[in-house]
Amino acid sequence: MQRVCFLLKVRPERLEEYRERHRAVWPEMLAALSATGWRNYSLFLREDGLLVGYLETEDFEAARAAMAETDVNARWQAEMAPFFESLDGRPDEGMVSLEEVFHLN
């Protein structure tokens, strides 16, 4: 199982709306994430807009590629893109993965 952590930056003026959107993620988006191998997926948001994402998957590149093929992901990414700073393209393409340097099992 691969553990993946990534960073993005939410625009400070859009923080509350970003939280609201994630309190009501579309059921078809949730289903697509599960179907394409995204497990134990969490997002953490700091008050300055730093967004930390964490997920587990068998193969992150395969899971990303599978999500990229779904219509619901294209719609979700298009709606979410304006929430982020310093982003060329879709949020799912702008994730900066972090190197795991320690894990306590």
C-alpha atoms as a PDB file:
ATOM      1  CA  MET A   1       0.000   0.000   0.000  1.00  0.00           C
ATOM      2  CA  GLN A   2       1.329   3.412  -0.981  1.00  0.00           C
ATOM      3  CA  ARG A   3       0.805   6.322   1.432  1.00  0.00           C
ATOM      4  CA  VAL A   4       0.608   9.672  -0.373  1.00  0.00           C
ATOM      5  CA  CYS A   5       0.685  13.162   1.105  1.00  0.00           C
ATOM      6  CA  PHE A   6       0.348  16.271  -1.046  1.00  0.00           C
ATOM      7  CA  LEU A   7       0.097  20.040  -0.709  1.00  0.00           C
ATOM      8  CA  LEU A   8      -2.029  22.685  -2.398  1.00  0.00           C
ATOM      9  CA  LYS A   9      -2.861  26.286  -1.454  1.00  0.00           C
ATOM     10  CA  VAL A  10      -6.475  27.473  -1.165  1.00  0.00           C
ATOM     11  CA  ARG A  11      -7.110  31.181  -1.691  1.00  0.00           C
ATOM     12  CA  PRO A  12      -7.728  32.756   1.746  1.00  0.00           C
ATOM     13  CA  GLU A  13     -10.882  34.531   0.559  1.00  0.00           C
ATOM     14  CA  ARG A  14     -12.364  31.183  -0.541  1.00  0.00           C
ATOM     15  CA  LEU A  15     -11.666  29.117   2.602  1.00  0.00           C
ATOM     16  CA  GLU A  16     -15.208  28.982   3.949  1.00  0.00           C
ATOM     17  CA  GLU A  17     -16.717  28.130   0.589  1.00  0.00           C
ATOM     18  CA  TYR A  18     -14.059  25.430   0.112  1.00  0.00           C
ATOM     19  CA  ARG A  19     -15.046  23.914   3.473  1.00  0.00           C
ATOM     20  CA  GLU A  20     -18.728  24.052   2.490  1.00  0.00           C
ATOM     21  CA  ARG A  21     -18.075  22.275  -0.812  1.00  0.00           C
ATOM     22  CA  HIS A  22     -16.285  19.473   1.027  1.00  0.00           C
ATOM     23  CA  ARG A  23     -19.100  19.031   3.511  1.00  0.00           C
ATOM     24  CA  ALA A  24     -21.259  18.061   0.520  1.00  0.00           C
ATOM     25  CA  VAL A  25     -18.998  16.225  -1.935  1.00  0.00           C
ATOM     26  CA  TRP A  26     -21.087  14.808  -4.767  1.00  0.00           C
ATOM     27  CA  PRO A  27     -21.998  11.147  -4.166  1.00  0.00           C
ATOM     28  CA  GLU A  28     -20.792  10.243  -7.668  1.00  0.00           C
ATOM     29  CA  MET A  29     -17.398  11.819  -6.895  1.00  0.00           C
ATOM     30  CA  LEU A  30     -17.118   9.782  -3.694  1.00  0.00           C
ATOM     31  CA  ALA A  31     -18.030   6.643  -5.634  1.00  0.00           C
ATOM     32  CA  ALA A  32     -15.456   7.395  -8.351  1.00  0.00           C
ATOM     33  CA  LEU A  33     -12.687   7.912  -5.789  1.00  0.00           C
ATOM     34  CA  SER A  34     -13.485   4.585  -4.151  1.00  0.00           C
ATOM     35  CA  ALA A  35     -13.798   2.762  -7.469  1.00  0.00           C
ATOM     36  CA  THR A  36     -10.418   4.022  -8.681  1.00  0.00           C
ATOM     37  CA  GLY A  37      -8.473   2.978  -5.589  1.00  0.00           C
ATOM     38  CA  TRP A  38      -8.348   6.078  -3.364  1.00  0.00           C
ATOM     39  CA  ARG A  39      -8.528   4.844   0.256  1.00  0.00           C
ATOM     40  CA  ASN A  40      -8.357   6.530   3.643  1.00  0.00           C
ATOM     41  CA  TYR A  41      -8.406   9.899   1.851  1.00  0.00           C
ATOM     42  CA  SER A  42      -8.336  13.018   4.044  1.00  0.00           C
ATOM     43  CA  LEU A  43      -7.880  16.740   3.470  1.00  0.00           C
ATOM     44  CA  PHE A  44      -6.577  19.064   6.182  1.00  0.00           C
ATOM     45  CA  LEU A  45      -6.872  22.845   5.837  1.00  0.00           C
ATOM     46  CA  ARG A  46      -4.857  25.446   7.728  1.00  0.00           C
ATOM     47  CA  GLU A  47      -6.255  28.956   8.294  1.00  0.00           C
ATOM     48  CA  ASP A  48      -3.774  30.479   5.822  1.00  0.00           C
ATOM     49  CA  GLY A  49      -5.048  28.172   3.081  1.00  0.00           C
ATOM     50  CA  LEU A  50      -2.397  25.453   3.183  1.00  0.00           C
ATOM     51  CA  LEU A  51      -4.166  22.240   2.199  1.00  0.00           C
ATOM     52  CA  VAL A  52      -2.610  18.908   3.106  1.00  0.00           C
ATOM     53  CA  GLY A  53      -4.043  15.795   1.492  1.00  0.00           C
ATOM     54  CA  TYR A  54      -3.402  12.212   2.543  1.00  0.00           C
ATOM     55  CA  LEU A  55      -4.486   8.979   0.928  1.00  0.00           C
ATOM     56  CA  GLU A  56      -3.559   5.349   0.620  1.00  0.00           C
ATOM     57  CA  THR A  57      -3.634   3.419  -2.628  1.00  0.00           C
ATOM     58  CA  GLU A  58      -2.036   0.448  -4.326  1.00  0.00           C
ATOM     59  CA  ASP A  59      -0.617   2.615  -7.122  1.00  0.00           C
ATOM     60  CA  PHE A  60      -0.950   6.401  -6.964  1.00  0.00           C
ATOM     61  CA  GLU A  61      -0.226   7.043 -10.641  1.00  0.00           C
ATOM     62  CA  ALA A  62      -2.766   4.395 -11.664  1.00  0.00           C
ATOM     63  CA  ALA A  63      -5.366   5.834  -9.252  1.00  0.00           C
ATOM     64  CA  ARG A  64      -4.779   9.352 -10.604  1.00  0.00           C
ATOM     65  CA  ALA A  65      -4.987   8.146 -14.198  1.00  0.00           C
ATOM     66  CA  ALA A  66      -8.217   6.245 -13.502  1.00  0.00           C
ATOM     67  CA  MET A  67      -9.800   9.317 -11.902  1.00  0.00           C
ATOM     68  CA  ALA A  68      -8.679  11.470 -14.840  1.00  0.00           C
ATOM     69  CA  GLU A  69     -10.762   9.234 -17.097  1.00  0.00           C
ATOM     70  CA  THR A  70     -14.010   9.910 -15.236  1.00  0.00           C
ATOM     71  CA  ASP A  71     -16.496  12.578 -16.245  1.00  0.00           C
ATOM     72  CA  VAL A  72     -17.323  13.430 -12.639  1.00  0.00           C
ATOM     73  CA  ASN A  73     -13.671  14.172 -11.882  1.00  0.00           C
ATOM     74  CA  ALA A  74     -13.421  16.553 -14.841  1.00  0.00           C
ATOM     75  CA  ARG A  75     -16.502  18.426 -13.611  1.00  0.00           C
ATOM     76  CA  TRP A  76     -15.310  18.502  -9.982  1.00  0.00           C
ATOM     77  CA  GLN A  77     -11.802  19.683 -10.908  1.00  0.00           C
ATOM     78  CA  ALA A  78     -13.217  22.440 -13.126  1.00  0.00           C
ATOM     79  CA  GLU A  79     -15.356  23.707 -10.242  1.00  0.00           C
ATOM     80  CA  MET A  80     -12.524  23.481  -7.699  1.00  0.00           C
ATOM     81  CA  ALA A  81      -9.730  25.072  -9.790  1.00  0.00           C
ATOM     82  CA  PRO A  82     -10.692  28.698  -8.937  1.00  0.00           C
ATOM     83  CA  PHE A  83     -10.228  27.961  -5.228  1.00  0.00           C
ATOM     84  CA  PHE A  84      -6.465  27.460  -5.543  1.00  0.00           C
ATOM     85  CA  GLU A  85      -3.448  29.761  -5.730  1.00  0.00           C
ATOM     86  CA  SER A  86      -0.500  29.192  -8.079  1.00  0.00           C
ATOM     87  CA  LEU A  87      -2.222  26.508 -10.060  1.00  0.00           C
ATOM     88  CA  ASP A  88      -1.810  25.861 -13.769  1.00  0.00           C
ATOM     89  CA  GLY A  89      -4.646  23.585 -14.744  1.00  0.00           C
ATOM     90  CA  ARG A  90      -6.675  21.326 -12.505  1.00  0.00           C
ATOM     91  CA  PRO A  91      -6.068  20.768  -8.776  1.00  0.00           C
ATOM     92  CA  ASP A  92      -5.523  17.040  -9.312  1.00  0.00           C
ATOM     93  CA  GLU A  93      -2.700  17.888 -11.714  1.00  0.00           C
ATOM     94  CA  GLY A  94      -1.113  20.427  -9.351  1.00  0.00           C
ATOM     95  CA  MET A  95      -0.670  18.232  -6.287  1.00  0.00           C
ATOM     96  CA  VAL A  96       2.871  18.443  -4.924  1.00  0.00           C
ATOM     97  CA  SER A  97       3.597  15.023  -3.398  1.00  0.00           C
ATOM     98  CA  LEU A  98       5.800  14.890  -0.347  1.00  0.00           C
ATOM     99  CA  GLU A  99       8.499  12.316   0.308  1.00  0.00           C
ATOM    100  CA  GLU A 100       7.694  10.017   3.208  1.00  0.00           C
ATOM    101  CA  VAL A 101      10.724   9.982   5.496  1.00  0.00           C
ATOM    102  CA  PHE A 102       9.253   8.157   8.495  1.00  0.00           C
ATOM    103  CA  HIS A 103       6.295   5.930   9.310  1.00  0.00           C
ATOM    104  CA  LEU A 104       5.446   4.329  12.665  1.00  0.00           C
ATOM    105  CA  ASN A 105       3.499   1.156  12.053  1.00  0.00           C
END
